[in-house]
């Protein structure tokens, strides 16, 4: 969805820069999540998932700028914004679950 949104952005020096950043962080979420799925341990899972969470948060930051500048129709942007927040909530929940498991194992 981030790529589709990027293709609709106006083309100026500033918007191209922001669009590139948004695409990089947005596609990085998927690429790094793929690495999370191949984690060999809980600690590796947490380390990789934290990268995913950082990239998702960065993508939301760029979307905030786009929303504030009104470069994209709000209804189109809202779909991507909602999905980004939902994914972020899933990532946070997954991290909490695994961190709790790690903490229980360390205390035993």
N, C-alpha and C. Protein backbone atom coordinates (compact mmCIF):
# COMPACT_ATOMS: atom_id res chain seq x y z
N UNK A 1 0.81 -1.19 0.00
CA UNK A 1 0.00 0.00 0.00
C UNK A 1 0.86 1.27 0.00
N UNK A 2 2.01 1.20 0.65
CA UNK A 2 2.89 2.37 0.70
C UNK A 2 3.39 2.71 -0.71
N UNK A 3 3.68 1.70 -1.48
CA UNK A 3 4.15 1.93 -2.86
C UNK A 3 3.04 2.56 -3.69
N UNK A 4 1.82 2.07 -3.54
CA UNK A 4 0.69 2.66 -4.25
C UNK A 4 0.50 4.12 -3.87
N UNK A 5 0.62 4.40 -2.59
CA UNK A 5 0.50 5.78 -2.12
C UNK A 5 1.61 6.64 -2.70
N UNK A 6 2.82 6.12 -2.73
CA UNK A 6 3.97 6.87 -3.26
C UNK A 6 3.75 7.25 -4.72
N UNK A 7 3.13 6.37 -5.46
CA UNK A 7 2.88 6.64 -6.88
C UNK A 7 1.88 7.77 -7.09
N UNK A 8 1.12 8.12 -6.05
CA UNK A 8 0.12 9.19 -6.15
C UNK A 8 0.63 10.52 -5.62
N UNK A 9 1.83 10.52 -5.06
CA UNK A 9 2.38 11.75 -4.48
C UNK A 9 2.72 12.76 -5.58
N UNK A 10 2.53 14.06 -5.29
CA UNK A 10 2.97 15.07 -6.25
C UNK A 10 4.49 15.01 -6.40
N UNK A 11 4.98 15.53 -7.51
CA UNK A 11 6.40 15.41 -7.79
C UNK A 11 7.11 16.77 -7.69
N UNK A 12 7.67 17.02 -6.51
CA UNK A 12 8.55 18.18 -6.29
C UNK A 12 9.80 17.65 -5.61
N UNK A 13 10.80 18.47 -5.46
CA UNK A 13 12.01 18.02 -4.77
C UNK A 13 11.72 17.54 -3.35
N UNK A 14 10.92 18.29 -2.63
CA UNK A 14 10.60 17.94 -1.25
C UNK A 14 9.77 16.66 -1.19
N UNK A 15 8.72 16.59 -1.99
CA UNK A 15 7.85 15.41 -1.92
C UNK A 15 8.58 14.15 -2.38
N UNK A 16 9.47 14.28 -3.34
CA UNK A 16 10.25 13.10 -3.77
C UNK A 16 11.11 12.58 -2.63
N UNK A 17 11.71 13.49 -1.89
CA UNK A 17 12.56 13.10 -0.77
C UNK A 17 11.75 12.37 0.30
N UNK A 18 10.62 12.93 0.66
CA UNK A 18 9.77 12.33 1.68
C UNK A 18 9.19 11.01 1.19
N UNK A 19 8.79 10.99 -0.07
CA UNK A 19 8.26 9.76 -0.65
C UNK A 19 9.30 8.65 -0.62
N UNK A 20 10.53 8.97 -0.98
CA UNK A 20 11.60 7.97 -0.95
C UNK A 20 11.80 7.43 0.47
N UNK A 21 11.81 8.31 1.44
CA UNK A 21 11.98 7.87 2.83
C UNK A 21 10.82 6.96 3.26
N UNK A 22 9.61 7.36 2.89
CA UNK A 22 8.43 6.57 3.25
C UNK A 22 8.48 5.19 2.61
N UNK A 23 8.86 5.14 1.34
CA UNK A 23 8.94 3.85 0.65
C UNK A 23 10.04 2.98 1.27
N UNK A 24 11.17 3.58 1.58
CA UNK A 24 12.26 2.80 2.18
C UNK A 24 11.85 2.20 3.52
N UNK A 25 11.29 3.03 4.39
CA UNK A 25 10.90 2.50 5.71
C UNK A 25 9.71 1.55 5.59
N UNK A 26 8.77 1.88 4.72
CA UNK A 26 7.59 1.03 4.57
C UNK A 26 7.90 -0.34 4.00
N UNK A 27 8.77 -0.40 3.02
CA UNK A 27 9.13 -1.70 2.46
C UNK A 27 10.09 -2.44 3.38
N UNK A 28 10.84 -1.70 4.18
CA UNK A 28 11.74 -2.32 5.15
C UNK A 28 10.95 -3.10 6.21
N UNK A 29 9.75 -2.64 6.52
CA UNK A 29 8.90 -3.36 7.48
C UNK A 29 8.70 -4.79 6.99
N UNK A 30 8.31 -4.93 5.74
CA UNK A 30 8.06 -6.27 5.19
C UNK A 30 9.31 -7.11 5.10
N UNK A 31 10.39 -6.50 4.63
CA UNK A 31 11.65 -7.24 4.48
C UNK A 31 12.18 -7.71 5.83
N UNK A 32 12.12 -6.83 6.81
CA UNK A 32 12.62 -7.21 8.14
C UNK A 32 11.68 -8.17 8.86
N UNK A 33 10.38 -8.06 8.60
CA UNK A 33 9.44 -9.02 9.20
C UNK A 33 9.71 -10.42 8.66
N UNK A 34 10.08 -10.48 7.42
CA UNK A 34 10.43 -11.77 6.82
C UNK A 34 11.60 -12.40 7.60
N UNK A 35 12.57 -11.57 7.98
CA UNK A 35 13.70 -12.05 8.78
C UNK A 35 13.24 -12.48 10.17
N UNK A 36 12.26 -11.78 10.73
CA UNK A 36 11.70 -12.15 12.04
C UNK A 36 11.16 -13.57 11.98
N UNK A 37 10.49 -13.88 10.90
CA UNK A 37 9.87 -15.21 10.76
C UNK A 37 10.91 -16.33 10.71
N UNK A 38 12.14 -15.97 10.45
CA UNK A 38 13.22 -16.97 10.39
C UNK A 38 14.12 -16.92 11.63
N UNK A 39 13.69 -16.20 12.65
CA UNK A 39 14.50 -16.07 13.87
C UNK A 39 14.74 -17.44 14.49
N UNK A 40 15.97 -17.65 14.95
CA UNK A 40 16.35 -18.95 15.51
C UNK A 40 16.19 -19.03 17.02
N UNK A 41 15.89 -17.89 17.64
CA UNK A 41 15.70 -17.88 19.10
C UNK A 41 14.78 -16.72 19.46
N UNK A 42 14.30 -16.76 20.69
CA UNK A 42 13.46 -15.65 21.16
C UNK A 42 14.22 -14.33 21.17
N UNK A 43 15.49 -14.39 21.58
CA UNK A 43 16.28 -13.15 21.63
C UNK A 43 16.50 -12.59 20.22
N UNK A 44 16.74 -13.46 19.27
CA UNK A 44 16.89 -13.00 17.88
C UNK A 44 15.58 -12.43 17.37
N UNK A 45 14.46 -13.09 17.73
CA UNK A 45 13.13 -12.61 17.36
C UNK A 45 12.93 -11.18 17.87
N UNK A 46 13.25 -10.95 19.14
CA UNK A 46 13.06 -9.63 19.75
C UNK A 46 13.93 -8.58 19.05
N UNK A 47 15.18 -8.92 18.81
CA UNK A 47 16.08 -7.97 18.15
C UNK A 47 15.56 -7.58 16.77
N UNK A 48 15.16 -8.58 16.00
CA UNK A 48 14.67 -8.30 14.64
C UNK A 48 13.31 -7.60 14.66
N UNK A 49 12.45 -8.00 15.60
CA UNK A 49 11.12 -7.38 15.67
C UNK A 49 11.23 -5.92 16.09
N UNK A 50 12.22 -5.59 16.90
CA UNK A 50 12.42 -4.18 17.27
C UNK A 50 12.79 -3.34 16.05
N UNK A 51 13.52 -3.91 15.13
CA UNK A 51 13.84 -3.20 13.88
C UNK A 51 12.55 -2.98 13.08
N UNK A 52 11.72 -4.01 13.00
CA UNK A 52 10.44 -3.89 12.30
C UNK A 52 9.61 -2.77 12.93
N UNK A 53 9.56 -2.75 14.24
CA UNK A 53 8.77 -1.72 14.94
C UNK A 53 9.31 -0.32 14.68
N UNK A 54 10.62 -0.17 14.67
CA UNK A 54 11.23 1.14 14.36
C UNK A 54 10.87 1.59 12.94
N UNK A 55 10.94 0.68 12.00
CA UNK A 55 10.64 1.03 10.61
C UNK A 55 9.16 1.37 10.44
N UNK A 56 8.29 0.64 11.12
CA UNK A 56 6.86 0.93 11.06
C UNK A 56 6.56 2.31 11.64
N UNK A 57 7.22 2.62 12.76
CA UNK A 57 7.03 3.93 13.38
C UNK A 57 7.55 5.05 12.48
N UNK A 58 8.69 4.81 11.82
CA UNK A 58 9.22 5.82 10.91
C UNK A 58 8.24 6.04 9.74
N UNK A 59 7.68 4.97 9.24
CA UNK A 59 6.71 5.10 8.13
C UNK A 59 5.52 5.95 8.57
N UNK A 60 5.04 5.71 9.78
CA UNK A 60 3.93 6.53 10.30
C UNK A 60 4.33 7.99 10.42
N UNK A 61 5.58 8.24 10.76
CA UNK A 61 6.07 9.62 10.83
C UNK A 61 5.95 10.30 9.47
N UNK A 62 6.42 9.63 8.41
CA UNK A 62 6.34 10.21 7.06
C UNK A 62 4.89 10.40 6.65
N UNK A 63 4.02 9.47 7.03
CA UNK A 63 2.59 9.61 6.72
C UNK A 63 1.99 10.81 7.43
N UNK A 64 2.45 11.08 8.65
CA UNK A 64 1.98 12.27 9.38
C UNK A 64 2.34 13.55 8.62
N UNK A 65 3.55 13.60 8.12
CA UNK A 65 3.97 14.78 7.36
C UNK A 65 3.10 14.94 6.11
N UNK A 66 2.89 13.84 5.42
CA UNK A 66 2.07 13.88 4.20
C UNK A 66 0.66 14.35 4.53
N UNK A 67 0.13 13.87 5.65
CA UNK A 67 -1.22 14.29 6.07
C UNK A 67 -1.25 15.78 6.40
N UNK A 68 -0.26 16.24 7.15
CA UNK A 68 -0.20 17.66 7.53
C UNK A 68 -0.08 18.58 6.32
N UNK A 69 0.69 18.16 5.34
CA UNK A 69 0.89 18.97 4.13
C UNK A 69 -0.24 18.81 3.12
N UNK A 70 -1.13 17.84 3.37
CA UNK A 70 -2.29 17.59 2.51
C UNK A 70 -1.87 17.28 1.07
N UNK A 71 -0.84 16.47 0.92
CA UNK A 71 -0.35 16.08 -0.40
C UNK A 71 -1.18 14.94 -1.01
N UNK A 72 -1.90 14.22 -0.17
CA UNK A 72 -2.72 13.09 -0.61
C UNK A 72 -4.10 13.26 0.00
N UNK A 73 -5.12 12.84 -0.73
CA UNK A 73 -6.49 12.89 -0.23
C UNK A 73 -6.58 12.14 1.11
N UNK A 74 -7.21 12.78 2.07
CA UNK A 74 -7.27 12.21 3.43
C UNK A 74 -7.91 10.82 3.48
N UNK A 75 -8.90 10.58 2.65
CA UNK A 75 -9.55 9.26 2.68
C UNK A 75 -8.60 8.16 2.22
N UNK A 76 -7.76 8.44 1.22
CA UNK A 76 -6.78 7.45 0.77
C UNK A 76 -5.69 7.25 1.81
N UNK A 77 -5.25 8.34 2.39
CA UNK A 77 -4.19 8.29 3.38
C UNK A 77 -4.65 7.56 4.64
N UNK A 78 -5.90 7.73 4.98
CA UNK A 78 -6.45 7.13 6.20
C UNK A 78 -6.36 5.60 6.16
N UNK A 79 -6.53 5.01 5.01
CA UNK A 79 -6.45 3.55 4.87
C UNK A 79 -5.05 3.06 5.22
N UNK A 80 -4.04 3.72 4.68
CA UNK A 80 -2.65 3.34 4.93
C UNK A 80 -2.29 3.63 6.39
N UNK A 81 -2.75 4.76 6.90
CA UNK A 81 -2.49 5.15 8.28
C UNK A 81 -3.06 4.11 9.25
N UNK A 82 -4.30 3.70 8.99
CA UNK A 82 -4.97 2.71 9.85
C UNK A 82 -4.21 1.38 9.81
N UNK A 83 -3.84 0.94 8.63
CA UNK A 83 -3.10 -0.32 8.50
C UNK A 83 -1.76 -0.24 9.23
N UNK A 84 -1.07 0.88 9.10
CA UNK A 84 0.20 1.05 9.79
C UNK A 84 0.06 0.98 11.30
N UNK A 85 -0.98 1.59 11.82
CA UNK A 85 -1.21 1.54 13.27
C UNK A 85 -1.61 0.15 13.73
N UNK A 86 -2.40 -0.55 12.92
CA UNK A 86 -2.79 -1.92 13.27
C UNK A 86 -1.57 -2.84 13.29
N UNK A 87 -0.72 -2.71 12.29
CA UNK A 87 0.49 -3.53 12.25
C UNK A 87 1.40 -3.20 13.42
N UNK A 88 1.53 -1.93 13.74
CA UNK A 88 2.36 -1.53 14.88
C UNK A 88 1.84 -2.16 16.17
N UNK A 89 0.52 -2.17 16.35
CA UNK A 89 -0.07 -2.78 17.55
C UNK A 89 0.23 -4.28 17.59
N UNK A 90 0.17 -4.94 16.45
CA UNK A 90 0.48 -6.38 16.38
C UNK A 90 1.94 -6.61 16.75
N UNK A 91 2.84 -5.80 16.21
CA UNK A 91 4.26 -5.95 16.50
C UNK A 91 4.55 -5.75 17.98
N UNK A 92 3.94 -4.73 18.57
CA UNK A 92 4.14 -4.44 20.00
C UNK A 92 3.62 -5.62 20.84
N UNK A 93 2.46 -6.13 20.49
CA UNK A 93 1.89 -7.26 21.22
C UNK A 93 2.78 -8.49 21.12
N UNK A 94 3.30 -8.77 19.94
CA UNK A 94 4.21 -9.91 19.76
C UNK A 94 5.47 -9.74 20.59
N UNK A 95 6.01 -8.53 20.59
CA UNK A 95 7.21 -8.26 21.39
C UNK A 95 6.94 -8.46 22.88
N UNK A 96 5.81 -7.99 23.36
CA UNK A 96 5.47 -8.15 24.77
C UNK A 96 5.36 -9.62 25.14
N UNK A 97 4.71 -10.39 24.29
CA UNK A 97 4.53 -11.82 24.55
C UNK A 97 5.88 -12.53 24.65
N UNK A 98 6.75 -12.30 23.70
CA UNK A 98 8.05 -12.97 23.70
C UNK A 98 8.93 -12.45 24.83
N UNK A 99 8.91 -11.15 25.08
CA UNK A 99 9.69 -10.61 26.20
C UNK A 99 9.23 -11.19 27.53
N UNK A 100 7.92 -11.36 27.70
CA UNK A 100 7.40 -11.97 28.93
C UNK A 100 7.90 -13.41 29.07
N UNK A 101 7.90 -14.14 27.97
CA UNK A 101 8.39 -15.52 27.98
C UNK A 101 9.88 -15.55 28.36
N UNK A 102 10.66 -14.66 27.76
CA UNK A 102 12.09 -14.60 28.07
C UNK A 102 12.31 -14.28 29.55
N UNK A 103 11.54 -13.32 30.07
CA UNK A 103 11.68 -12.93 31.47
C UNK A 103 11.30 -14.06 32.42
N UNK A 104 10.27 -14.84 32.08
CA UNK A 104 9.86 -15.97 32.92
C UNK A 104 10.93 -17.05 32.92
N UNK A 105 11.55 -17.28 31.76
CA UNK A 105 12.60 -18.30 31.66
C UNK A 105 13.84 -17.89 32.45
N UNK A 106 14.13 -16.59 32.47
CA UNK A 106 15.33 -16.12 33.17
C UNK A 106 15.15 -16.18 34.68
N UNK A 107 13.93 -16.02 35.13
CA UNK A 107 13.66 -16.02 36.59
C UNK A 107 13.62 -17.43 37.16
N UNK A 108 13.45 -18.42 36.31
CA UNK A 108 13.34 -19.81 36.82
C UNK A 108 14.68 -20.40 37.09
